[in-house]
PDB file of N, CA and C in Angstrom:
ATOM      1  N   MET A   1      23.263  35.199 -64.138  1.00  0.00           N
ATOM      2  CA  MET A   1      22.798  33.925 -64.612  1.00  0.00           C
ATOM      3  C   MET A   1      21.468  33.563 -63.976  1.00  0.00           C
ATOM      4  N   THR A   2      20.625  33.032 -64.752  1.00  0.00           N
ATOM      5  CA  THR A   2      19.341  32.590 -64.212  1.00  0.00           C
ATOM      6  C   THR A   2      19.415  31.092 -63.982  1.00  0.00           C
ATOM      7  N   SER A   3      18.845  30.695 -62.886  1.00  0.00           N
ATOM      8  CA  SER A   3      18.861  29.259 -62.591  1.00  0.00           C
ATOM      9  C   SER A   3      17.565  28.631 -63.079  1.00  0.00           C
ATOM     10  N   ARG A   4      17.704  27.500 -63.646  1.00  0.00           N
ATOM     11  CA  ARG A   4      16.539  26.791 -64.149  1.00  0.00           C
ATOM     12  C   ARG A   4      15.869  26.031 -63.003  1.00  0.00           C
ATOM     13  N   PRO A   5      14.611  25.972 -63.010  1.00  0.00           N
ATOM     14  CA  PRO A   5      13.954  25.157 -61.978  1.00  0.00           C
ATOM     15  C   PRO A   5      14.291  23.685 -62.224  1.00  0.00           C
ATOM     16  N   GLN A   6      14.646  23.041 -61.134  1.00  0.00           N
ATOM     17  CA  GLN A   6      15.021  21.632 -61.260  1.00  0.00           C
ATOM     18  C   GLN A   6      13.768  20.766 -61.338  1.00  0.00           C
ATOM     19  N   ILE A   7      13.835  19.816 -62.202  1.00  0.00           N
ATOM     20  CA  ILE A   7      12.720  18.896 -62.375  1.00  0.00           C
ATOM     21  C   ILE A   7      13.003  17.670 -61.507  1.00  0.00           C
ATOM     22  N   LYS A   8      12.079  17.393 -60.621  1.00  0.00           N
ATOM     23  CA  LYS A   8      12.239  16.234 -59.748  1.00  0.00           C
ATOM     24  C   LYS A   8      11.637  15.023 -60.444  1.00  0.00           C
ATOM     25  N   ARG A   9      12.449  14.008 -60.544  1.00  0.00           N
ATOM     26  CA  ARG A   9      11.964  12.779 -61.161  1.00  0.00           C
ATOM     27  C   ARG A   9      11.616  11.785 -60.067  1.00  0.00           C
ATOM     28  N   LEU A  10      10.447  11.265 -60.162  1.00  0.00           N
ATOM     29  CA  LEU A  10      10.037  10.237 -59.218  1.00  0.00           C
ATOM     30  C   LEU A  10      10.446   8.881 -59.777  1.00  0.00           C
ATOM     31  N   ALA A  11      11.031   8.093 -58.914  1.00  0.00           N
ATOM     32  CA  ALA A  11      11.429   6.764 -59.348  1.00  0.00           C
ATOM     33  C   ALA A  11      10.171   5.933 -59.542  1.00  0.00           C
ATOM     34  N   SER A  12       9.996   5.486 -60.731  1.00  0.00           N
ATOM     35  CA  SER A  12       8.799   4.692 -60.995  1.00  0.00           C
ATOM     36  C   SER A  12       9.132   3.222 -60.756  1.00  0.00           C
ATOM     37  N   LYS A  13       8.377   2.635 -59.898  1.00  0.00           N
ATOM     38  CA  LYS A  13       8.565   1.219 -59.593  1.00  0.00           C
ATOM     39  C   LYS A  13       7.495   0.437 -60.329  1.00  0.00           C
ATOM     40  N   PRO A  14       7.895  -0.668 -60.890  1.00  0.00           N
ATOM     41  CA  PRO A  14       6.867  -1.470 -61.566  1.00  0.00           C
ATOM     42  C   PRO A  14       5.893  -2.033 -60.534  1.00  0.00           C
ATOM     43  N   GLU A  15       4.631  -1.853 -60.786  1.00  0.00           N
ATOM     44  CA  GLU A  15       3.630  -2.349 -59.853  1.00  0.00           C
ATOM     45  C   GLU A  15       3.428  -3.827 -60.073  1.00  0.00           C
ATOM     46  N   LYS A  16       3.345  -4.520 -58.944  1.00  0.00           N
ATOM     47  CA  LYS A  16       3.185  -5.961 -59.006  1.00  0.00           C
ATOM     48  C   LYS A  16       1.698  -6.282 -59.075  1.00  0.00           C
ATOM     49  N   ILE A  17       1.326  -6.957 -60.092  1.00  0.00           N
ATOM     50  CA  ILE A  17      -0.070  -7.357 -60.232  1.00  0.00           C
ATOM     51  C   ILE A  17      -0.114  -8.857 -59.988  1.00  0.00           C
ATOM     52  N   GLU A  18      -0.830  -9.216 -58.922  1.00  0.00           N
ATOM     53  CA  GLU A  18      -0.920 -10.631 -58.592  1.00  0.00           C
ATOM     54  C   GLU A  18      -2.225 -11.200 -59.131  1.00  0.00           C
ATOM     55  N   LEU A  19      -2.077 -12.269 -59.828  1.00  0.00           N
ATOM     56  CA  LEU A  19      -3.251 -12.957 -60.315  1.00  0.00           C
ATOM     57  C   LEU A  19      -3.641 -14.010 -59.290  1.00  0.00           C
ATOM     58  N   PRO A  20      -4.910 -14.173 -59.036  1.00  0.00           N
ATOM     59  CA  PRO A  20      -5.312 -15.176 -58.057  1.00  0.00           C
ATOM     60  C   PRO A  20      -4.967 -16.570 -58.568  1.00  0.00           C
ATOM     61  N   THR A  21      -4.129 -17.261 -57.819  1.00  0.00           N
ATOM     62  CA  THR A  21      -3.721 -18.604 -58.238  1.00  0.00           C
ATOM     63  C   THR A  21      -4.569 -19.659 -57.557  1.00  0.00           C
ATOM     64  N   ARG A  22      -5.323 -19.260 -56.535  1.00  0.00           N
ATOM     65  CA  ARG A  22      -6.158 -20.210 -55.820  1.00  0.00           C
ATOM     66  C   ARG A  22      -7.618 -19.875 -56.067  1.00  0.00           C
ATOM     67  N   LEU A  23      -8.414 -20.882 -55.916  1.00  0.00           N
ATOM     68  CA  LEU A  23      -9.848 -20.643 -55.978  1.00  0.00           C
ATOM     69  C   LEU A  23     -10.277 -19.945 -54.702  1.00  0.00           C
ATOM     70  N   SER A  24     -11.350 -19.218 -54.753  1.00  0.00           N
ATOM     71  CA  SER A  24     -11.763 -18.427 -53.585  1.00  0.00           C
ATOM     72  C   SER A  24     -12.073 -19.315 -52.390  1.00  0.00           C
ATOM     73  N   GLY A  25     -12.676 -20.469 -52.607  1.00  0.00           N
ATOM     74  CA  GLY A  25     -12.977 -21.389 -51.506  1.00  0.00           C
ATOM     75  C   GLY A  25     -11.715 -21.926 -50.873  1.00  0.00           C
ATOM     76  N   LEU A  26     -10.723 -22.226 -51.705  1.00  0.00           N
ATOM     77  CA  LEU A  26      -9.458 -22.739 -51.198  1.00  0.00           C
ATOM     78  C   LEU A  26      -8.709 -21.662 -50.423  1.00  0.00           C
ATOM     79  N   ALA A  27      -8.783 -20.424 -50.904  1.00  0.00           N
ATOM     80  CA  ALA A  27      -8.139 -19.316 -50.198  1.00  0.00           C
ATOM     81  C   ALA A  27      -8.789 -19.115 -48.840  1.00  0.00           C
ATOM     82  N   LYS A  28     -10.108 -19.242 -48.780  1.00  0.00           N
ATOM     83  CA  LYS A  28     -10.816 -19.092 -47.514  1.00  0.00           C
ATOM     84  C   LYS A  28     -10.410 -20.199 -46.545  1.00  0.00           C
ATOM     85  N   THR A  29     -10.319 -21.418 -47.036  1.00  0.00           N
ATOM     86  CA  THR A  29      -9.902 -22.541 -46.198  1.00  0.00           C
ATOM     87  C   THR A  29      -8.481 -22.335 -45.703  1.00  0.00           C
ATOM     88  N   HIS A  30      -7.608 -21.884 -46.584  1.00  0.00           N
ATOM     89  CA  HIS A  30      -6.211 -21.632 -46.205  1.00  0.00           C
ATOM     90  C   HIS A  30      -6.143 -20.544 -45.130  1.00  0.00           C
ATOM     91  N   ARG A  31      -6.939 -19.499 -45.296  1.00  0.00           N
ATOM     92  CA  ARG A  31      -6.972 -18.414 -44.313  1.00  0.00           C
ATOM     93  C   ARG A  31      -7.458 -18.934 -42.957  1.00  0.00           C
ATOM     94  N   LEU A  32      -8.486 -19.772 -42.955  1.00  0.00           N
ATOM     95  CA  LEU A  32      -8.987 -20.339 -41.704  1.00  0.00           C
ATOM     96  C   LEU A  32      -7.938 -21.225 -41.036  1.00  0.00           C
ATOM     97  N   ILE A  33      -7.198 -21.989 -41.833  1.00  0.00           N
ATOM     98  CA  ILE A  33      -6.132 -22.835 -41.284  1.00  0.00           C
ATOM     99  C   ILE A  33      -5.050 -21.968 -40.666  1.00  0.00           C
ATOM    100  N   MET A  34      -4.673 -20.892 -41.343  1.00  0.00           N
ATOM    101  CA  MET A  34      -3.646 -19.995 -40.807  1.00  0.00           C
ATOM    102  C   MET A  34      -4.117 -19.333 -39.515  1.00  0.00           C
ATOM    103  N   ILE A  35      -5.384 -18.952 -39.451  1.00  0.00           N
ATOM    104  CA  ILE A  35      -5.930 -18.353 -38.225  1.00  0.00           C
ATOM    105  C   ILE A  35      -5.839 -19.345 -37.077  1.00  0.00           C
ATOM    106  N   GLU A  36      -6.188 -20.596 -37.329  1.00  0.00           N
ATOM    107  CA  GLU A  36      -6.119 -21.626 -36.280  1.00  0.00           C
ATOM    108  C   GLU A  36      -4.673 -21.862 -35.837  1.00  0.00           C
ATOM    109  N   LYS A  37      -3.743 -21.853 -36.789  1.00  0.00           N
ATOM    110  CA  LYS A  37      -2.331 -22.019 -36.441  1.00  0.00           C
ATOM    111  C   LYS A  37      -1.857 -20.884 -35.548  1.00  0.00           C
ATOM    112  N   HIS A  38      -2.263 -19.654 -35.888  1.00  0.00           N
ATOM    113  CA  HIS A  38      -1.879 -18.495 -35.076  1.00  0.00           C
ATOM    114  C   HIS A  38      -2.469 -18.595 -33.669  1.00  0.00           C
ATOM    115  N   LYS A  39      -3.706 -19.073 -33.579  1.00  0.00           N
ATOM    116  CA  LYS A  39      -4.324 -19.257 -32.264  1.00  0.00           C
ATOM    117  C   LYS A  39      -3.533 -20.275 -31.438  1.00  0.00           C
ATOM    118  N   GLU A  40      -3.153 -21.383 -32.078  1.00  0.00           N
ATOM    119  CA  GLU A  40      -2.384 -22.419 -31.378  1.00  0.00           C
ATOM    120  C   GLU A  40      -1.036 -21.879 -30.921  1.00  0.00           C
ATOM    121  N   ILE A  41      -0.385 -21.113 -31.778  1.00  0.00           N
ATOM    122  CA  ILE A  41       0.923 -20.544 -31.417  1.00  0.00           C
ATOM    123  C   ILE A  41       0.773 -19.594 -30.240  1.00  0.00           C
ATOM    124  N   GLN A  42      -0.254 -18.740 -30.261  1.00  0.00           N
ATOM    125  CA  GLN A  42      -0.485 -17.814 -29.153  1.00  0.00           C
ATOM    126  C   GLN A  42      -0.768 -18.575 -27.865  1.00  0.00           C
ATOM    127  N   PHE A  43      -1.558 -19.650 -27.960  1.00  0.00           N
ATOM    128  CA  PHE A  43      -1.868 -20.456 -26.777  1.00  0.00           C
ATOM    129  C   PHE A  43      -0.606 -21.113 -26.227  1.00  0.00           C
ATOM    130  N   MET A  44       0.236 -21.642 -27.113  1.00  0.00           N
ATOM    131  CA  MET A  44       1.484 -22.275 -26.673  1.00  0.00           C
ATOM    132  C   MET A  44       2.409 -21.253 -26.022  1.00  0.00           C
ATOM    133  N   MET A  45       2.475 -20.047 -26.577  1.00  0.00           N
ATOM    134  CA  MET A  45       3.309 -19.007 -25.980  1.00  0.00           C
ATOM    135  C   MET A  45       2.788 -18.620 -24.603  1.00  0.00           C
ATOM    136  N   LEU A  46       1.465 -18.537 -24.465  1.00  0.00           N
ATOM    137  CA  LEU A  46       0.863 -18.214 -23.180  1.00  0.00           C
ATOM    138  C   LEU A  46       1.168 -19.304 -22.151  1.00  0.00           C
ATOM    139  N   CYS A  47       1.048 -20.560 -22.559  1.00  0.00           N
ATOM    140  CA  CYS A  47       1.354 -21.679 -21.656  1.00  0.00           C
ATOM    141  C   CYS A  47       2.822 -21.650 -21.238  1.00  0.00           C
ATOM    142  N   ALA A  48       3.700 -21.366 -22.179  1.00  0.00           N
ATOM    143  CA  ALA A  48       5.125 -21.297 -21.864  1.00  0.00           C
ATOM    144  C   ALA A  48       5.402 -20.182 -20.868  1.00  0.00           C
ATOM    145  N   GLN A  49       4.745 -19.031 -21.045  1.00  0.00           N
ATOM    146  CA  GLN A  49       4.934 -17.910 -20.120  1.00  0.00           C
ATOM    147  C   GLN A  49       4.406 -18.262 -18.739  1.00  0.00           C
ATOM    148  N   ILE A  50       3.281 -18.960 -18.676  1.00  0.00           N
ATOM    149  CA  ILE A  50       2.725 -19.376 -17.381  1.00  0.00           C
ATOM    150  C   ILE A  50       3.683 -20.338 -16.692  1.00  0.00           C
ATOM    151  N   ARG A  51       4.272 -21.278 -17.453  1.00  0.00           N
ATOM    152  CA  ARG A  51       5.235 -22.220 -16.864  1.00  0.00           C
ATOM    153  C   ARG A  51       6.446 -21.488 -16.315  1.00  0.00           C
ATOM    154  N   VAL A  52       6.942 -20.497 -17.064  1.00  0.00           N
ATOM    155  CA  VAL A  52       8.098 -19.717 -16.604  1.00  0.00           C
ATOM    156  C   VAL A  52       7.744 -18.964 -15.332  1.00  0.00           C
ATOM    157  N   ASP A  53       6.557 -18.347 -15.313  1.00  0.00           N
ATOM    158  CA  ASP A  53       6.131 -17.607 -14.127  1.00  0.00           C
ATOM    159  C   ASP A  53       5.996 -18.537 -12.920  1.00  0.00           C
ATOM    160  N   ASP A  54       5.414 -19.730 -13.143  1.00  0.00           N
ATOM    161  CA  ASP A  54       5.281 -20.691 -12.046  1.00  0.00           C
ATOM    162  C   ASP A  54       6.647 -21.134 -11.530  1.00  0.00           C
ATOM    163  N   PHE A  55       7.568 -21.367 -12.451  1.00  0.00           N
ATOM    164  CA  PHE A  55       8.921 -21.781 -12.055  1.00  0.00           C
ATOM    165  C   PHE A  55       9.582 -20.691 -11.219  1.00  0.00           C
ATOM    166  N   LYS A  56       9.461 -19.431 -11.665  1.00  0.00           N
ATOM    167  CA  LYS A  56      10.061 -18.317 -10.924  1.00  0.00           C
ATOM    168  C   LYS A  56       9.447 -18.200  -9.533  1.00  0.00           C
ATOM    169  N   LYS A  57       8.110 -18.350  -9.449  1.00  0.00           N
ATOM    170  CA  LYS A  57       7.430 -18.241  -8.161  1.00  0.00           C
ATOM    171  C   LYS A  57       7.876 -19.372  -7.232  1.00  0.00           C
ATOM    172  N   HIS A  58       7.926 -20.583  -7.753  1.00  0.00           N
ATOM    173  CA  HIS A  58       8.359 -21.729  -6.947  1.00  0.00           C
ATOM    174  C   HIS A  58       9.793 -21.543  -6.457  1.00  0.00           C
ATOM    175  N   ARG A  59      10.657 -21.075  -7.330  1.00  0.00           N
ATOM    176  CA  ARG A  59      12.054 -20.855  -6.957  1.00  0.00           C
ATOM    177  C   ARG A  59      12.173 -19.775  -5.881  1.00  0.00           C
ATOM    178  N   ALA A  60      11.408 -18.697  -6.047  1.00  0.00           N
ATOM    179  CA  ALA A  60      11.439 -17.616  -5.064  1.00  0.00           C
ATOM    180  C   ALA A  60      10.933 -18.115  -3.710  1.00  0.00           C
ATOM    181  N   ASP A  61       9.869 -18.925  -3.726  1.00  0.00           N
ATOM    182  CA  ASP A  61       9.343 -19.480  -2.471  1.00  0.00           C
ATOM    183  C   ASP A  61      10.379 -20.362  -1.793  1.00  0.00           C
ATOM    184  N   CYS A  62      11.044 -21.202  -2.576  1.00  0.00           N
ATOM    185  CA  CYS A  62      12.068 -22.089  -2.004  1.00  0.00           C
ATOM    186  C   CYS A  62      13.220 -21.279  -1.418  1.00  0.00           C
ATOM    187  N   GLN A  63      13.663 -20.270  -2.124  1.00  0.00           N
ATOM    188  CA  GLN A  63      14.756 -19.447  -1.614  1.00  0.00           C
ATOM    189  C   GLN A  63      14.355 -18.730  -0.339  1.00  0.00           C
ATOM    190  N   ARG A  64      13.116 -18.242  -0.285  1.00  0.00           N
ATOM    191  CA  ARG A  64      12.637 -17.566   0.913  1.00  0.00           C
ATOM    192  C   ARG A  64      12.601 -18.532   2.099  1.00  0.00           C
ATOM    193  N   ASP A  65      12.108 -19.752   1.852  1.00  0.00           N
ATOM    194  CA  ASP A  65      12.053 -20.752   2.920  1.00  0.00           C
ATOM    195  C   ASP A  65      13.448 -21.126   3.401  1.00  0.00           C
ATOM    196  N   GLU A  66      14.387 -21.247   2.466  1.00  0.00           N
ATOM    197  CA  GLU A  66      15.771 -21.571   2.847  1.00  0.00           C
ATOM    198  C   GLU A  66      16.371 -20.467   3.708  1.00  0.00           C
ATOM    199  N   ARG A  67      16.125 -19.217   3.359  1.00  0.00           N
ATOM    200  CA  ARG A  67      16.648 -18.102   4.166  1.00  0.00           C
ATOM    201  C   ARG A  67      16.047 -18.108   5.563  1.00  0.00           C
ATOM    202  N   ILE A  68      14.744 -18.406   5.664  1.00  0.00           N
ATOM    203  CA  ILE A  68      14.090 -18.461   6.976  1.00  0.00           C
ATOM    204  C   ILE A  68      14.711 -19.573   7.818  1.00  0.00           C
ATOM    205  N   GLU A  69      14.936 -20.728   7.206  1.00  0.00           N
ATOM    206  CA  GLU A  69      15.551 -21.856   7.931  1.00  0.00           C
ATOM    207  C   GLU A  69      16.967 -21.506   8.380  1.00  0.00           C
ATOM    208  N   LYS A  70      17.719 -20.822   7.538  1.00  0.00           N
ATOM    209  CA  LYS A  70      19.086 -20.414   7.901  1.00  0.00           C
ATOM    210  C   LYS A  70      19.059 -19.491   9.114  1.00  0.00           C
ATOM    211  N   ARG A  71      18.109 -18.547   9.105  1.00  0.00           N
ATOM    212  CA  ARG A  71      18.009 -17.615  10.229  1.00  0.00           C
ATOM    213  C   ARG A  71      17.652 -18.348  11.510  1.00  0.00           C
ATOM    214  N   ARG A  72      16.771 -19.316  11.414  1.00  0.00           N
ATOM    215  CA  ARG A  72      16.377 -20.083  12.605  1.00  0.00           C
ATOM    216  C   ARG A  72      17.555 -20.868  13.164  1.00  0.00           C
ATOM    217  N   LYS A  73      18.386 -21.389  12.288  1.00  0.00           N
ATOM    218  CA  LYS A  73      19.545 -22.174  12.733  1.00  0.00           C
ATOM    219  C   LYS A  73      20.595 -21.282  13.381  1.00  0.00           C
ATOM    220  N   ASN A  74      20.719 -20.043  12.938  1.00  0.00           N
ATOM    221  CA  ASN A  74      21.756 -19.136  13.450  1.00  0.00           C
ATOM    222  C   ASN A  74      21.355 -18.443  14.751  1.00  0.00           C
ATOM    223  N   ILE A  75      20.103 -18.540  15.142  1.00  0.00           N
ATOM    224  CA  ILE A  75      19.680 -17.899  16.396  1.00  0.00           C
ATOM    225  C   ILE A  75      20.165 -18.775  17.561  1.00  0.00           C
ATOM    226  N   PRO A  76      20.941 -18.190  18.492  1.00  0.00           N
ATOM    227  CA  PRO A  76      21.403 -18.988  19.632  1.00  0.00           C
ATOM    228  C   PRO A  76      20.236 -19.306  20.579  1.00  0.00           C
ATOM    229  N   VAL A  77      20.261 -20.520  21.079  1.00  0.00           N
ATOM    230  CA  VAL A  77      19.193 -20.980  21.960  1.00  0.00           C
ATOM    231  C   VAL A  77      19.724 -20.926  23.403  1.00  0.00           C
ATOM    232  N   ASP A  78      18.958 -20.311  24.343  1.00  0.00           N
ATOM    233  CA  ASP A  78      19.335 -20.258  25.751  1.00  0.00           C
ATOM    234  C   ASP A  78      19.104 -21.615  26.391  1.00  0.00           C
ATOM    235  N   LYS A  79      20.129 -22.130  27.047  1.00  0.00           N
ATOM    236  CA  LYS A  79      19.993 -23.420  27.719  1.00  0.00           C
ATOM    237  C   LYS A  79      19.955 -23.233  29.239  1.00  0.00           C
ATOM    238  N   SER A  80      19.442 -22.135  29.724  1.00  0.00           N
ATOM    239  CA  SER A  80      19.421 -21.907  31.158  1.00  0.00           C
ATOM    240  C   SER A  80      18.184 -22.411  31.822  1.00  0.00           C
TER     241      SER A  80
END
């Protein structure tokens, strides 16, 4: 028996053609607004990260100071 070469069918997807619904000036303005929003979001995320880092640093400093104070209290003092 001879085998026939198999024909591979590519799934054809309908291509989406978008018609411009906005005027070019309005699209440019919208793009500029979106860019500014993204900048604000990035700035807010950066500020939030800085606050978290500051909180962690402050907490670590406080814990370190508390441990030092505990050690000082536990050292016996010679009364001779």
